[in-house]
Amino acid sequence: MIEYHSSDRLDDVFQALSNPARREIVSLLAVRPYNIGELAPQFDMSLAAVSKHVKLLERAGIVEREIRGRTHICRLKAEALNEAYSWLGGYEKFWRARLDALTQILENPRRGGAG
């Protein structure tokens, strides 16, 4: 098994989430496990194409696949998403300050320089 540095894992997660179909797969798996055959009809693509998307999500550590005979059951592994969430959370202070400044301007337009 490949050992990841934190930044490598984060890169993989963001790359995996860069595709809208993969984000939708993650959304579906957040509700319940699906097998590949159940996921495929949710998209305008072949079973093989959906399987390739799931494999990329697996490599990023976002999805785990359990094989039972010919059935591949996919489950969300939220731990990988938690690392991305934590990284993005570091920008919360930045955005909060911007929104607070905007609120002050909107509440006091004369002091905000608008007139």
PDB file of N, CA and C in Angstrom:
ATOM      1  N   MET A   1       0.832  -1.178   0.000  1.00  0.00           N
ATOM      2  CA  MET A   1       0.000   0.000   0.000  1.00  0.00           C
ATOM      3  C   MET A   1       0.881   1.249   0.000  1.00  0.00           C
ATOM      4  N   ILE A   2       0.477   2.249  -0.770  1.00  0.00           N
ATOM      5  CA  ILE A   2       1.223   3.499  -0.864  1.00  0.00           C
ATOM      6  C   ILE A   2       1.008   4.297   0.410  1.00  0.00           C
ATOM      7  N   GLU A   3       2.101   4.863   0.929  1.00  0.00           N
ATOM      8  CA  GLU A   3       1.998   5.711   2.100  1.00  0.00           C
ATOM      9  C   GLU A   3       1.904   7.156   1.624  1.00  0.00           C
ATOM     10  N   TYR A   4       0.915   7.873   2.075  1.00  0.00           N
ATOM     11  CA  TYR A   4       0.672   9.235   1.625  1.00  0.00           C
ATOM     12  C   TYR A   4       1.134  10.240   2.654  1.00  0.00           C
ATOM     13  N   HIS A   5       1.697  11.317   2.161  1.00  0.00           N
ATOM     14  CA  HIS A   5       1.871  12.500   2.996  1.00  0.00           C
ATOM     15  C   HIS A   5       0.536  13.217   2.972  1.00  0.00           C
ATOM     16  N   SER A   6       0.297  14.025   3.956  1.00  0.00           N
ATOM     17  CA  SER A   6      -0.974  14.725   4.052  1.00  0.00           C
ATOM     18  C   SER A   6      -1.289  15.514   2.786  1.00  0.00           C
ATOM     19  N   SER A   7      -0.315  16.227   2.226  1.00  0.00           N
ATOM     20  CA  SER A   7      -0.584  17.041   1.039  1.00  0.00           C
ATOM     21  C   SER A   7      -0.891  16.160  -0.167  1.00  0.00           C
ATOM     22  N   ASP A   8      -0.264  14.983  -0.263  1.00  0.00           N
ATOM     23  CA  ASP A   8      -0.572  14.067  -1.362  1.00  0.00           C
ATOM     24  C   ASP A   8      -2.020  13.601  -1.284  1.00  0.00           C
ATOM     25  N   ARG A   9      -2.469  13.257  -0.099  1.00  0.00           N
ATOM     26  CA  ARG A   9      -3.845  12.798   0.102  1.00  0.00           C
ATOM     27  C   ARG A   9      -4.819  13.925  -0.237  1.00  0.00           C
ATOM     28  N   LEU A  10      -4.508  15.110   0.214  1.00  0.00           N
ATOM     29  CA  LEU A  10      -5.368  16.258  -0.054  1.00  0.00           C
ATOM     30  C   LEU A  10      -5.446  16.535  -1.557  1.00  0.00           C
ATOM     31  N   ASP A  11      -4.324  16.443  -2.250  1.00  0.00           N
ATOM     32  CA  ASP A  11      -4.322  16.607  -3.708  1.00  0.00           C
ATOM     33  C   ASP A  11      -5.232  15.580  -4.367  1.00  0.00           C
ATOM     34  N   ASP A  12      -5.137  14.336  -3.928  1.00  0.00           N
ATOM     35  CA  ASP A  12      -5.972  13.266  -4.486  1.00  0.00           C
ATOM     36  C   ASP A  12      -7.452  13.531  -4.246  1.00  0.00           C
ATOM     37  N   VAL A  13      -7.777  13.999  -3.050  1.00  0.00           N
ATOM     38  CA  VAL A  13      -9.180  14.271  -2.715  1.00  0.00           C
ATOM     39  C   VAL A  13      -9.724  15.385  -3.598  1.00  0.00           C
ATOM     40  N   PHE A  14      -8.983  16.478  -3.713  1.00  0.00           N
ATOM     41  CA  PHE A  14      -9.474  17.585  -4.537  1.00  0.00           C
ATOM     42  C   PHE A  14      -9.534  17.210  -6.014  1.00  0.00           C
ATOM     43  N   GLN A  15      -8.586  16.412  -6.484  1.00  0.00           N
ATOM     44  CA  GLN A  15      -8.649  15.954  -7.880  1.00  0.00           C
ATOM     45  C   GLN A  15      -9.892  15.089  -8.087  1.00  0.00           C
ATOM     46  N   ALA A  16     -10.154  14.197  -7.153  1.00  0.00           N
ATOM     47  CA  ALA A  16     -11.321  13.318  -7.272  1.00  0.00           C
ATOM     48  C   ALA A  16     -12.616  14.125  -7.261  1.00  0.00           C
ATOM     49  N   LEU A  17     -12.664  15.162  -6.455  1.00  0.00           N
ATOM     50  CA  LEU A  17     -13.886  15.966  -6.337  1.00  0.00           C
ATOM     51  C   LEU A  17     -14.013  17.028  -7.429  1.00  0.00           C
ATOM     52  N   SER A  18     -13.032  17.109  -8.311  1.00  0.00           N
ATOM     53  CA  SER A  18     -13.077  18.124  -9.368  1.00  0.00           C
ATOM     54  C   SER A  18     -14.078  17.799 -10.470  1.00  0.00           C
ATOM     55  N   ASN A  19     -14.593  16.585 -10.468  1.00  0.00           N
ATOM     56  CA  ASN A  19     -15.534  16.161 -11.510  1.00  0.00           C
ATOM     57  C   ASN A  19     -16.955  16.130 -10.947  1.00  0.00           C
ATOM     58  N   PRO A  20     -17.922  16.732 -11.658  1.00  0.00           N
ATOM     59  CA  PRO A  20     -19.302  16.763 -11.137  1.00  0.00           C
ATOM     60  C   PRO A  20     -19.924  15.388 -10.947  1.00  0.00           C
ATOM     61  N   ALA A  21     -19.621  14.437 -11.807  1.00  0.00           N
ATOM     62  CA  ALA A  21     -20.177  13.084 -11.647  1.00  0.00           C
ATOM     63  C   ALA A  21     -19.645  12.439 -10.371  1.00  0.00           C
ATOM     64  N   ARG A  22     -18.359  12.636 -10.099  1.00  0.00           N
ATOM     65  CA  ARG A  22     -17.800  12.059  -8.877  1.00  0.00           C
ATOM     66  C   ARG A  22     -18.363  12.741  -7.632  1.00  0.00           C
ATOM     67  N   ARG A  23     -18.599  14.047  -7.711  1.00  0.00           N
ATOM     68  CA  ARG A  23     -19.232  14.723  -6.571  1.00  0.00           C
ATOM     69  C   ARG A  23     -20.640  14.186  -6.347  1.00  0.00           C
ATOM     70  N   GLU A  24     -21.350  13.895  -7.420  1.00  0.00           N
ATOM     71  CA  GLU A  24     -22.699  13.338  -7.290  1.00  0.00           C
ATOM     72  C   GLU A  24     -22.643  11.922  -6.709  1.00  0.00           C
ATOM     73  N   ILE A  25     -21.658  11.142  -7.113  1.00  0.00           N
ATOM     74  CA  ILE A  25     -21.487   9.799  -6.530  1.00  0.00           C
ATOM     75  C   ILE A  25     -21.276   9.921  -5.026  1.00  0.00           C
ATOM     76  N   VAL A  26     -20.424  10.853  -4.611  1.00  0.00           N
ATOM     77  CA  VAL A  26     -20.177  11.066  -3.179  1.00  0.00           C
ATOM     78  C   VAL A  26     -21.477  11.457  -2.478  1.00  0.00           C
ATOM     79  N   SER A  27     -22.267  12.330  -3.098  1.00  0.00           N
ATOM     80  CA  SER A  27     -23.548  12.742  -2.501  1.00  0.00           C
ATOM     81  C   SER A  27     -24.490  11.560  -2.331  1.00  0.00           C
ATOM     82  N   LEU A  28     -24.545  10.712  -3.339  1.00  0.00           N
ATOM     83  CA  LEU A  28     -25.407   9.526  -3.244  1.00  0.00           C
ATOM     84  C   LEU A  28     -24.927   8.589  -2.143  1.00  0.00           C
ATOM     85  N   LEU A  29     -23.608   8.376  -2.072  1.00  0.00           N
ATOM     86  CA  LEU A  29     -23.061   7.458  -1.076  1.00  0.00           C
ATOM     87  C   LEU A  29     -23.152   8.025   0.338  1.00  0.00           C
ATOM     88  N   ALA A  30     -23.339   9.321   0.458  1.00  0.00           N
ATOM     89  CA  ALA A  30     -23.525   9.920   1.783  1.00  0.00           C
ATOM     90  C   ALA A  30     -24.866   9.511   2.376  1.00  0.00           C
ATOM     91  N   VAL A  31     -25.796   9.111   1.518  1.00  0.00           N
ATOM     92  CA  VAL A  31     -27.118   8.694   1.973  1.00  0.00           C
ATOM     93  C   VAL A  31     -27.122   7.223   2.351  1.00  0.00           C
ATOM     94  N   ARG A  32     -26.505   6.399   1.481  1.00  0.00           N
ATOM     95  CA  ARG A  32     -26.462   4.957   1.741  1.00  0.00           C
ATOM     96  C   ARG A  32     -25.460   4.302   0.793  1.00  0.00           C
ATOM     97  N   PRO A  33     -25.041   3.063   1.101  1.00  0.00           N
ATOM     98  CA  PRO A  33     -24.180   2.346   0.160  1.00  0.00           C
ATOM     99  C   PRO A  33     -24.948   1.999  -1.126  1.00  0.00           C
ATOM    100  N   TYR A  34     -24.245   1.972  -2.233  1.00  0.00           N
ATOM    101  CA  TYR A  34     -24.807   1.585  -3.529  1.00  0.00           C
ATOM    102  C   TYR A  34     -23.881   0.568  -4.165  1.00  0.00           C
ATOM    103  N   ASN A  35     -24.464  -0.322  -4.971  1.00  0.00           N
ATOM    104  CA  ASN A  35     -23.587  -1.128  -5.812  1.00  0.00           C
ATOM    105  C   ASN A  35     -23.458  -0.403  -7.149  1.00  0.00           C
ATOM    106  N   ILE A  36     -22.450  -0.782  -7.911  1.00  0.00           N
ATOM    107  CA  ILE A  36     -22.171  -0.091  -9.180  1.00  0.00           C
ATOM    108  C   ILE A  36     -23.387  -0.142 -10.096  1.00  0.00           C
ATOM    109  N   GLY A  37     -24.081  -1.256 -10.112  1.00  0.00           N
ATOM    110  CA  GLY A  37     -25.271  -1.398 -10.948  1.00  0.00           C
ATOM    111  C   GLY A  37     -26.382  -0.432 -10.568  1.00  0.00           C
ATOM    112  N   GLU A  38     -26.456  -0.052  -9.293  1.00  0.00           N
ATOM    113  CA  GLU A  38     -27.444   0.936  -8.852  1.00  0.00           C
ATOM    114  C   GLU A  38     -26.993   2.361  -9.159  1.00  0.00           C
ATOM    115  N   LEU A  39     -25.686   2.587  -9.140  1.00  0.00           N
ATOM    116  CA  LEU A  39     -25.170   3.931  -9.414  1.00  0.00           C
ATOM    117  C   LEU A  39     -25.284   4.298 -10.890  1.00  0.00           C
ATOM    118  N   ALA A  40     -24.993   3.348 -11.770  1.00  0.00           N
ATOM    119  CA  ALA A  40     -24.926   3.633 -13.205  1.00  0.00           C
ATOM    120  C   ALA A  40     -26.186   4.294 -13.758  1.00  0.00           C
ATOM    121  N   PRO A  41     -27.394   3.846 -13.427  1.00  0.00           N
ATOM    122  CA  PRO A  41     -28.584   4.486 -13.984  1.00  0.00           C
ATOM    123  C   PRO A  41     -28.784   5.944 -13.529  1.00  0.00           C
ATOM    124  N   GLN A  42     -28.084   6.363 -12.502  1.00  0.00           N
ATOM    125  CA  GLN A  42     -28.191   7.733 -12.007  1.00  0.00           C
ATOM    126  C   GLN A  42     -27.487   8.736 -12.938  1.00  0.00           C
ATOM    127  N   PHE A  43     -26.695   8.206 -13.879  1.00  0.00           N
ATOM    128  CA  PHE A  43     -25.860   9.037 -14.731  1.00  0.00           C
ATOM    129  C   PHE A  43     -26.070   8.680 -16.193  1.00  0.00           C
ATOM    130  N   ASP A  44     -25.761   9.608 -17.054  1.00  0.00           N
ATOM    131  CA  ASP A  44     -25.856   9.380 -18.493  1.00  0.00           C
ATOM    132  C   ASP A  44     -24.506   8.860 -18.994  1.00  0.00           C
ATOM    133  N   MET A  45     -24.115   7.682 -18.469  1.00  0.00           N
ATOM    134  CA  MET A  45     -22.853   7.056 -18.862  1.00  0.00           C
ATOM    135  C   MET A  45     -22.938   5.557 -18.615  1.00  0.00           C
ATOM    136  N   SER A  46     -21.990   4.856 -19.174  1.00  0.00           N
ATOM    137  CA  SER A  46     -21.994   3.395 -19.077  1.00  0.00           C
ATOM    138  C   SER A  46     -21.599   2.935 -17.677  1.00  0.00           C
ATOM    139  N   LEU A  47     -21.879   1.670 -17.408  1.00  0.00           N
ATOM    140  CA  LEU A  47     -21.474   1.040 -16.159  1.00  0.00           C
ATOM    141  C   LEU A  47     -19.957   1.117 -16.004  1.00  0.00           C
ATOM    142  N   ALA A  48     -19.228   0.880 -17.097  1.00  0.00           N
ATOM    143  CA  ALA A  48     -17.760   0.932 -17.062  1.00  0.00           C
ATOM    144  C   ALA A  48     -17.272   2.336 -16.708  1.00  0.00           C
ATOM    145  N   ALA A  49     -17.917   3.363 -17.248  1.00  0.00           N
ATOM    146  CA  ALA A  49     -17.518   4.747 -16.959  1.00  0.00           C
ATOM    147  C   ALA A  49     -17.758   5.084 -15.486  1.00  0.00           C
ATOM    148  N   VAL A  50     -18.900   4.672 -14.960  1.00  0.00           N
ATOM    149  CA  VAL A  50     -19.190   4.908 -13.539  1.00  0.00           C
ATOM    150  C   VAL A  50     -18.164   4.172 -12.682  1.00  0.00           C
ATOM    151  N   SER A  51     -17.824   2.959 -13.069  1.00  0.00           N
ATOM    152  CA  SER A  51     -16.831   2.179 -12.337  1.00  0.00           C
ATOM    153  C   SER A  51     -15.473   2.884 -12.313  1.00  0.00           C
ATOM    154  N   LYS A  52     -15.097   3.510 -13.419  1.00  0.00           N
ATOM    155  CA  LYS A  52     -13.831   4.251 -13.465  1.00  0.00           C
ATOM    156  C   LYS A  52     -13.865   5.445 -12.510  1.00  0.00           C
ATOM    157  N   HIS A  53     -14.989   6.120 -12.452  1.00  0.00           N
ATOM    158  CA  HIS A  53     -15.121   7.239 -11.505  1.00  0.00           C
ATOM    159  C   HIS A  53     -15.004   6.733 -10.065  1.00  0.00           C
ATOM    160  N   VAL A  54     -15.643   5.610  -9.788  1.00  0.00           N
ATOM    161  CA  VAL A  54     -15.575   5.042  -8.436  1.00  0.00           C
ATOM    162  C   VAL A  54     -14.131   4.647  -8.106  1.00  0.00           C
ATOM    163  N   LYS A  55     -13.404   4.097  -9.070  1.00  0.00           N
ATOM    164  CA  LYS A  55     -12.000   3.717  -8.833  1.00  0.00           C
ATOM    165  C   LYS A  55     -11.159   4.931  -8.468  1.00  0.00           C
ATOM    166  N   LEU A  56     -11.397   6.056  -9.127  1.00  0.00           N
ATOM    167  CA  LEU A  56     -10.646   7.263  -8.792  1.00  0.00           C
ATOM    168  C   LEU A  56     -10.993   7.736  -7.383  1.00  0.00           C
ATOM    169  N   LEU A  57     -12.262   7.651  -7.026  1.00  0.00           N
ATOM    170  CA  LEU A  57     -12.670   7.996  -5.661  1.00  0.00           C
ATOM    171  C   LEU A  57     -12.048   7.045  -4.640  1.00  0.00           C
ATOM    172  N   GLU A  58     -11.919   5.783  -5.016  1.00  0.00           N
ATOM    173  CA  GLU A  58     -11.254   4.808  -4.144  1.00  0.00           C
ATOM    174  C   GLU A  58      -9.793   5.172  -3.924  1.00  0.00           C
ATOM    175  N   ARG A  59      -9.093   5.493  -5.007  1.00  0.00           N
ATOM    176  CA  ARG A  59      -7.672   5.850  -4.897  1.00  0.00           C
ATOM    177  C   ARG A  59      -7.473   7.071  -4.006  1.00  0.00           C
ATOM    178  N   ALA A  60      -8.445   7.962  -4.000  1.00  0.00           N
ATOM    179  CA  ALA A  60      -8.367   9.153  -3.149  1.00  0.00           C
ATOM    180  C   ALA A  60      -8.757   8.847  -1.702  1.00  0.00           C
ATOM    181  N   GLY A  61      -9.252   7.641  -1.459  1.00  0.00           N
ATOM    182  CA  GLY A  61      -9.639   7.251  -0.106  1.00  0.00           C
ATOM    183  C   GLY A  61     -11.027   7.706   0.295  1.00  0.00           C
ATOM    184  N   ILE A  62     -11.814   8.179  -0.681  1.00  0.00           N
ATOM    185  CA  ILE A  62     -13.153   8.701  -0.394  1.00  0.00           C
ATOM    186  C   ILE A  62     -14.197   7.593  -0.394  1.00  0.00           C
ATOM    187  N   VAL A  63     -13.951   6.556  -1.163  1.00  0.00           N
ATOM    188  CA  VAL A  63     -14.901   5.451  -1.314  1.00  0.00           C
ATOM    189  C   VAL A  63     -14.171   4.146  -1.054  1.00  0.00           C
ATOM    190  N   GLU A  64     -14.873   3.229  -0.426  1.00  0.00           N
ATOM    191  CA  GLU A  64     -14.363   1.862  -0.314  1.00  0.00           C
ATOM    192  C   GLU A  64     -15.344   0.944  -1.024  1.00  0.00           C
ATOM    193  N   ARG A  65     -14.787  -0.070  -1.655  1.00  0.00           N
ATOM    194  CA  ARG A  65     -15.603  -0.998  -2.432  1.00  0.00           C
ATOM    195  C   ARG A  65     -15.451  -2.388  -1.830  1.00  0.00           C
ATOM    196  N   GLU A  66     -16.586  -3.009  -1.573  1.00  0.00           N
ATOM    197  CA  GLU A  66     -16.611  -4.388  -1.083  1.00  0.00           C
ATOM    198  C   GLU A  66     -17.143  -5.261  -2.216  1.00  0.00           C
ATOM    199  N   ILE A  67     -16.406  -6.315  -2.537  1.00  0.00           N
ATOM    200  CA  ILE A  67     -16.817  -7.189  -3.632  1.00  0.00           C
ATOM    201  C   ILE A  67     -17.447  -8.445  -3.041  1.00  0.00           C
ATOM    202  N   ARG A  68     -18.708  -8.663  -3.413  1.00  0.00           N
ATOM    203  CA  ARG A  68     -19.448  -9.871  -3.014  1.00  0.00           C
ATOM    204  C   ARG A  68     -19.839 -10.588  -4.288  1.00  0.00           C
ATOM    205  N   GLY A  69     -19.046 -11.562  -4.673  1.00  0.00           N
ATOM    206  CA  GLY A  69     -19.297 -12.249  -5.941  1.00  0.00           C
ATOM    207  C   GLY A  69     -19.111 -11.279  -7.085  1.00  0.00           C
ATOM    208  N   ARG A  70     -20.170 -11.055  -7.851  1.00  0.00           N
ATOM    209  CA  ARG A  70     -20.100 -10.110  -8.968  1.00  0.00           C
ATOM    210  C   ARG A  70     -20.615  -8.722  -8.599  1.00  0.00           C
ATOM    211  N   THR A  71     -21.042  -8.562  -7.364  1.00  0.00           N
ATOM    212  CA  THR A  71     -21.595  -7.295  -6.910  1.00  0.00           C
ATOM    213  C   THR A  71     -20.517  -6.480  -6.202  1.00  0.00           C
ATOM    214  N   HIS A  72     -20.366  -5.233  -6.612  1.00  0.00           N
ATOM    215  CA  HIS A  72     -19.402  -4.319  -5.999  1.00  0.00           C
ATOM    216  C   HIS A  72     -20.182  -3.263  -5.215  1.00  0.00           C
ATOM    217  N   ILE A  73     -20.102  -3.331  -3.897  1.00  0.00           N
ATOM    218  CA  ILE A  73     -20.833  -2.409  -3.039  1.00  0.00           C
ATOM    219  C   ILE A  73     -19.892  -1.269  -2.634  1.00  0.00           C
ATOM    220  N   CYS A  74     -20.336  -0.043  -2.862  1.00  0.00           N
ATOM    221  CA  CYS A  74     -19.531   1.148  -2.587  1.00  0.00           C
ATOM    222  C   CYS A  74     -20.071   1.861  -1.361  1.00  0.00           C
ATOM    223  N   ARG A  75     -19.139   2.283  -0.514  1.00  0.00           N
ATOM    224  CA  ARG A  75     -19.489   3.037   0.690  1.00  0.00           C
ATOM    225  C   ARG A  75     -18.615   4.279   0.773  1.00  0.00           C
ATOM    226  N   LEU A  76     -19.166   5.332   1.337  1.00  0.00           N
ATOM    227  CA  LEU A  76     -18.427   6.564   1.551  1.00  0.00           C
ATOM    228  C   LEU A  76     -17.484   6.397   2.733  1.00  0.00           C
ATOM    229  N   LYS A  77     -16.253   6.855   2.578  1.00  0.00           N
ATOM    230  CA  LYS A  77     -15.283   6.925   3.677  1.00  0.00           C
ATOM    231  C   LYS A  77     -15.059   8.407   3.956  1.00  0.00           C
ATOM    232  N   ALA A  78     -15.801   8.928   4.890  1.00  0.00           N
ATOM    233  CA  ALA A  78     -15.817  10.368   5.135  1.00  0.00           C
ATOM    234  C   ALA A  78     -14.512  10.901   5.712  1.00  0.00           C
ATOM    235  N   GLU A  79     -13.633  10.048   6.204  1.00  0.00           N
ATOM    236  CA  GLU A  79     -12.382  10.519   6.800  1.00  0.00           C
ATOM    237  C   GLU A  79     -11.570  11.344   5.810  1.00  0.00           C
ATOM    238  N   ALA A  80     -11.511  10.919   4.554  1.00  0.00           N
ATOM    239  CA  ALA A  80     -10.753  11.661   3.541  1.00  0.00           C
ATOM    240  C   ALA A  80     -11.370  13.031   3.304  1.00  0.00           C
ATOM    241  N   LEU A  81     -12.684  13.114   3.346  1.00  0.00           N
ATOM    242  CA  LEU A  81     -13.354  14.394   3.173  1.00  0.00           C
ATOM    243  C   LEU A  81     -13.118  15.308   4.377  1.00  0.00           C
ATOM    244  N   ASN A  82     -12.966  14.707   5.541  1.00  0.00           N
ATOM    245  CA  ASN A  82     -12.717  15.490   6.744  1.00  0.00           C
ATOM    246  C   ASN A  82     -11.404  16.257   6.641  1.00  0.00           C
ATOM    247  N   GLU A  83     -10.381  15.649   6.047  1.00  0.00           N
ATOM    248  CA  GLU A  83      -9.101  16.332   5.878  1.00  0.00           C
ATOM    249  C   GLU A  83      -9.265  17.552   4.968  1.00  0.00           C
ATOM    250  N   ALA A  84     -10.021  17.394   3.880  1.00  0.00           N
ATOM    251  CA  ALA A  84     -10.277  18.524   2.976  1.00  0.00           C
ATOM    252  C   ALA A  84     -11.098  19.591   3.687  1.00  0.00           C
ATOM    253  N   TYR A  85     -12.084  19.176   4.447  1.00  0.00           N
ATOM    254  CA  TYR A  85     -12.925  20.110   5.196  1.00  0.00           C
ATOM    255  C   TYR A  85     -12.079  20.911   6.192  1.00  0.00           C
ATOM    256  N   SER A  86     -11.180  20.225   6.862  1.00  0.00           N
ATOM    257  CA  SER A  86     -10.306  20.903   7.826  1.00  0.00           C
ATOM    258  C   SER A  86      -9.420  21.929   7.133  1.00  0.00           C
ATOM    259  N   TRP A  87      -8.884  21.568   5.970  1.00  0.00           N
ATOM    260  CA  TRP A  87      -8.032  22.493   5.227  1.00  0.00           C
ATOM    261  C   TRP A  87      -8.832  23.726   4.804  1.00  0.00           C
ATOM    262  N   LEU A  88     -10.014  23.493   4.265  1.00  0.00           N
ATOM    263  CA  LEU A  88     -10.868  24.613   3.840  1.00  0.00           C
ATOM    264  C   LEU A  88     -11.306  25.458   5.033  1.00  0.00           C
ATOM    265  N   GLY A  89     -11.486  24.822   6.180  1.00  0.00           N
ATOM    266  CA  GLY A  89     -11.901  25.533   7.384  1.00  0.00           C
ATOM    267  C   GLY A  89     -10.906  26.594   7.811  1.00  0.00           C
ATOM    268  N   GLY A  90      -9.656  26.440   7.403  1.00  0.00           N
ATOM    269  CA  GLY A  90      -8.641  27.436   7.710  1.00  0.00           C
ATOM    270  C   GLY A  90      -8.942  28.783   7.079  1.00  0.00           C
ATOM    271  N   TYR A  91      -9.790  28.813   6.077  1.00  0.00           N
ATOM    272  CA  TYR A  91     -10.158  30.057   5.407  1.00  0.00           C
ATOM    273  C   TYR A  91     -11.435  30.675   5.976  1.00  0.00           C
ATOM    274  N   GLU A  92     -12.002  30.033   6.961  1.00  0.00           N
ATOM    275  CA  GLU A  92     -13.234  30.547   7.554  1.00  0.00           C
ATOM    276  C   GLU A  92     -13.021  31.933   8.156  1.00  0.00           C
ATOM    277  N   LYS A  93     -11.910  32.146   8.850  1.00  0.00           N
ATOM    278  CA  LYS A  93     -11.614  33.441   9.456  1.00  0.00           C
ATOM    279  C   LYS A  93     -11.518  34.524   8.380  1.00  0.00           C
ATOM    280  N   PHE A  94     -10.887  34.207   7.263  1.00  0.00           N
ATOM    281  CA  PHE A  94     -10.761  35.138   6.147  1.00  0.00           C
ATOM    282  C   PHE A  94     -12.130  35.568   5.643  1.00  0.00           C
ATOM    283  N   TRP A  95     -13.002  34.596   5.370  1.00  0.00           N
ATOM    284  CA  TRP A  95     -14.317  34.917   4.825  1.00  0.00           C
ATOM    285  C   TRP A  95     -15.212  35.587   5.855  1.00  0.00           C
ATOM    286  N   ARG A  96     -15.089  35.200   7.101  1.00  0.00           N
ATOM    287  CA  ARG A  96     -15.889  35.820   8.157  1.00  0.00           C
ATOM    288  C   ARG A  96     -15.551  37.310   8.265  1.00  0.00           C
ATOM    289  N   ALA A  97     -14.256  37.640   8.201  1.00  0.00           N
ATOM    290  CA  ALA A  97     -13.833  39.047   8.259  1.00  0.00           C
ATOM    291  C   ALA A  97     -14.387  39.822   7.069  1.00  0.00           C
ATOM    292  N   ARG A  98     -14.368  39.226   5.880  1.00  0.00           N
ATOM    293  CA  ARG A  98     -14.894  39.891   4.681  1.00  0.00           C
ATOM    294  C   ARG A  98     -16.405  40.122   4.797  1.00  0.00           C
ATOM    295  N   LEU A  99     -17.105  39.128   5.285  1.00  0.00           N
ATOM    296  CA  LEU A  99     -18.557  39.265   5.436  1.00  0.00           C
ATOM    297  C   LEU A  99     -18.913  40.281   6.518  1.00  0.00           C
ATOM    298  N   ASP A 100     -18.131  40.307   7.595  1.00  0.00           N
ATOM    299  CA  ASP A 100     -18.372  41.307   8.649  1.00  0.00           C
ATOM    300  C   ASP A 100     -18.160  42.718   8.103  1.00  0.00           C
ATOM    301  N   ALA A 101     -17.113  42.897   7.288  1.00  0.00           N
ATOM    302  CA  ALA A 101     -16.856  44.212   6.695  1.00  0.00           C
ATOM    303  C   ALA A 101     -17.989  44.602   5.752  1.00  0.00           C
ATOM    304  N   LEU A 102     -18.475  43.669   4.960  1.00  0.00           N
ATOM    305  CA  LEU A 102     -19.588  43.940   4.053  1.00  0.00           C
ATOM    306  C   LEU A 102     -20.845  44.306   4.838  1.00  0.00           C
ATOM    307  N   THR A 103     -21.096  43.603   5.913  1.00  0.00           N
ATOM    308  CA  THR A 103     -22.259  43.901   6.757  1.00  0.00           C
ATOM    309  C   THR A 103     -22.179  45.323   7.296  1.00  0.00           C
ATOM    310  N   GLN A 104     -20.992  45.730   7.740  1.00  0.00           N
ATOM    311  CA  GLN A 104     -20.827  47.093   8.256  1.00  0.00           C
ATOM    312  C   GLN A 104     -21.089  48.124   7.163  1.00  0.00           C
ATOM    313  N   ILE A 105     -20.610  47.874   5.971  1.00  0.00           N
ATOM    314  CA  ILE A 105     -20.830  48.805   4.859  1.00  0.00           C
ATOM    315  C   ILE A 105     -22.314  48.903   4.538  1.00  0.00           C
ATOM    316  N   LEU A 106     -22.984  47.780   4.511  1.00  0.00           N
ATOM    317  CA  LEU A 106     -24.408  47.782   4.179  1.00  0.00           C
ATOM    318  C   LEU A 106     -25.258  48.429   5.265  1.00  0.00           C
ATOM    319  N   GLU A 107     -24.856  48.244   6.525  1.00  0.00           N
ATOM    320  CA  GLU A 107     -25.612  48.827   7.627  1.00  0.00           C
ATOM    321  C   GLU A 107     -25.317  50.317   7.801  1.00  0.00           C
ATOM    322  N   ASN A 108     -24.116  50.754   7.417  1.00  0.00           N
ATOM    323  CA  ASN A 108     -23.696  52.149   7.587  1.00  0.00           C
ATOM    324  C   ASN A 108     -23.071  52.642   6.280  1.00  0.00           C
ATOM    325  N   PRO A 109     -23.896  52.870   5.264  1.00  0.00           N
ATOM    326  CA  PRO A 109     -23.335  53.204   3.953  1.00  0.00           C
ATOM    327  C   PRO A 109     -22.511  54.495   3.955  1.00  0.00           C
ATOM    328  N   ARG A 110     -22.822  55.462   4.797  1.00  0.00           N
ATOM    329  CA  ARG A 110     -22.069  56.723   4.808  1.00  0.00           C
ATOM    330  C   ARG A 110     -20.650  56.518   5.341  1.00  0.00           C
ATOM    331  N   ARG A 111     -20.499  55.656   6.333  1.00  0.00           N
ATOM    332  CA  ARG A 111     -19.153  55.409   6.878  1.00  0.00           C
ATOM    333  C   ARG A 111     -18.355  54.477   5.974  1.00  0.00           C
ATOM    334  N   GLY A 112     -19.028  53.722   5.120  1.00  0.00           N
ATOM    335  CA  GLY A 112     -18.347  52.790   4.225  1.00  0.00           C
ATOM    336  C   GLY A 112     -17.812  53.450   2.979  1.00  0.00           C
ATOM    337  N   GLY A 113     -18.025  54.746   2.826  1.00  0.00           N
ATOM    338  CA  GLY A 113     -17.481  55.457   1.694  1.00  0.00           C
ATOM    339  C   GLY A 113     -18.407  55.470   0.496  1.00  0.00           C
ATOM    340  N   ALA A 114     -19.658  55.064   0.666  1.00  0.00           N
ATOM    341  CA  ALA A 114     -20.572  54.993  -0.471  1.00  0.00           C
ATOM    342  C   ALA A 114     -21.391  56.255  -0.602  1.00  0.00           C
ATOM    343  N   GLY A 115     -21.014  57.288   0.035  1.00  0.00           N
ATOM    344  CA  GLY A 115     -21.784  58.405  -0.276  1.00  0.00           C
ATOM    345  C   GLY A 115     -21.923  59.516   0.589  1.00  0.00           C
TER     346      GLY A 115
END
